[in-house]
């Protein structure tokens, strides 16, 4: 994956507690039903966030 695409995906996560677009940090990825699920913490409040990336 190109570096610019990776940066966009990681910086475009909705922070439920922050109620704004945030960056996911210290994430771990798993494949769920063929899609990539990134989970870990918000760069702003350190709350839990997740991002699903469709791999179709």
C-alpha atoms as a PDB file:
ATOM      1  CA  UNK A   1       0.000   0.000   0.000  1.00  0.00           C
ATOM      2  CA  UNK A   2       1.439   3.416  -0.868  1.00  0.00           C
ATOM      3  CA  UNK A   3       2.524   5.514   2.118  1.00  0.00           C
ATOM      4  CA  UNK A   4       0.127   8.363   1.293  1.00  0.00           C
ATOM      5  CA  UNK A   5      -2.856   5.973   1.196  1.00  0.00           C
ATOM      6  CA  UNK A   6      -1.862   4.408   4.520  1.00  0.00           C
ATOM      7  CA  UNK A   7      -1.562   7.856   6.108  1.00  0.00           C
ATOM      8  CA  UNK A   8      -5.045   8.844   4.881  1.00  0.00           C
ATOM      9  CA  UNK A   9      -6.655   5.657   6.236  1.00  0.00           C
ATOM     10  CA  UNK A  10      -5.032   5.980   9.662  1.00  0.00           C
ATOM     11  CA  UNK A  11      -5.869   9.687   9.977  1.00  0.00           C
ATOM     12  CA  UNK A  12      -9.521   9.285   8.993  1.00  0.00           C
ATOM     13  CA  UNK A  13     -11.065   7.544  12.011  1.00  0.00           C
ATOM     14  CA  UNK A  14     -14.142   8.818  13.862  1.00  0.00           C
ATOM     15  CA  UNK A  15     -13.427   9.383  17.561  1.00  0.00           C
ATOM     16  CA  UNK A  16     -16.679   8.706  19.414  1.00  0.00           C
ATOM     17  CA  UNK A  17     -15.551  10.417  22.616  1.00  0.00           C
ATOM     18  CA  UNK A  18     -13.849  13.318  20.791  1.00  0.00           C
ATOM     19  CA  UNK A  19     -16.724  13.622  18.292  1.00  0.00           C
ATOM     20  CA  UNK A  20     -14.337  14.444  15.471  1.00  0.00           C
ATOM     21  CA  UNK A  21     -12.000  12.874  12.928  1.00  0.00           C
ATOM     22  CA  UNK A  22      -8.872  11.543  14.678  1.00  0.00           C
ATOM     23  CA  UNK A  23      -5.797   9.414  14.012  1.00  0.00           C
ATOM     24  CA  UNK A  24      -5.613   5.817  15.238  1.00  0.00           C
ATOM     25  CA  UNK A  25      -2.377   5.001  17.110  1.00  0.00           C
ATOM     26  CA  UNK A  26      -0.694   1.828  18.384  1.00  0.00           C
ATOM     27  CA  UNK A  27      -3.164  -0.229  16.349  1.00  0.00           C
ATOM     28  CA  UNK A  28      -3.451  -3.949  15.745  1.00  0.00           C
ATOM     29  CA  UNK A  29      -5.088  -5.413  12.664  1.00  0.00           C
ATOM     30  CA  UNK A  30      -7.167  -8.533  12.148  1.00  0.00           C
ATOM     31  CA  UNK A  31      -9.032  -9.876   9.133  1.00  0.00           C
ATOM     32  CA  UNK A  32     -12.777 -10.281   9.708  1.00  0.00           C
ATOM     33  CA  UNK A  33     -14.871 -11.763   6.877  1.00  0.00           C
ATOM     34  CA  UNK A  34     -12.238 -10.690   4.361  1.00  0.00           C
ATOM     35  CA  UNK A  35     -11.986  -7.073   5.569  1.00  0.00           C
ATOM     36  CA  UNK A  36      -9.182  -5.528   7.604  1.00  0.00           C
ATOM     37  CA  UNK A  37     -10.192  -4.330  11.082  1.00  0.00           C
ATOM     38  CA  UNK A  38      -7.836  -1.903  12.832  1.00  0.00           C
ATOM     39  CA  UNK A  39      -8.428  -1.398  16.557  1.00  0.00           C
ATOM     40  CA  UNK A  40      -6.681   0.519  19.311  1.00  0.00           C
ATOM     41  CA  UNK A  41      -6.632   4.067  20.613  1.00  0.00           C
ATOM     42  CA  UNK A  42      -7.492   7.614  19.627  1.00  0.00           C
ATOM     43  CA  UNK A  43      -4.546  10.001  19.251  1.00  0.00           C
ATOM     44  CA  UNK A  44      -6.505  12.749  21.063  1.00  0.00           C
ATOM     45  CA  UNK A  45      -8.209  11.179  24.107  1.00  0.00           C
ATOM     46  CA  UNK A  46      -6.649   7.672  24.111  1.00  0.00           C
ATOM     47  CA  UNK A  47     -10.137   6.141  23.961  1.00  0.00           C
ATOM     48  CA  UNK A  48     -10.909   3.026  21.918  1.00  0.00           C
ATOM     49  CA  UNK A  49     -11.409   3.470  18.165  1.00  0.00           C
ATOM     50  CA  UNK A  50     -11.728   1.118  15.200  1.00  0.00           C
ATOM     51  CA  UNK A  51     -11.506   1.358  11.430  1.00  0.00           C
ATOM     52  CA  UNK A  52     -12.760  -1.195   8.894  1.00  0.00           C
ATOM     53  CA  UNK A  53     -10.991  -1.287   5.544  1.00  0.00           C
ATOM     54  CA  UNK A  54     -12.856  -3.227   2.868  1.00  0.00           C
ATOM     55  CA  UNK A  55     -10.517  -5.509   0.969  1.00  0.00           C
ATOM     56  CA  UNK A  56     -12.747  -6.335  -2.009  1.00  0.00           C
END
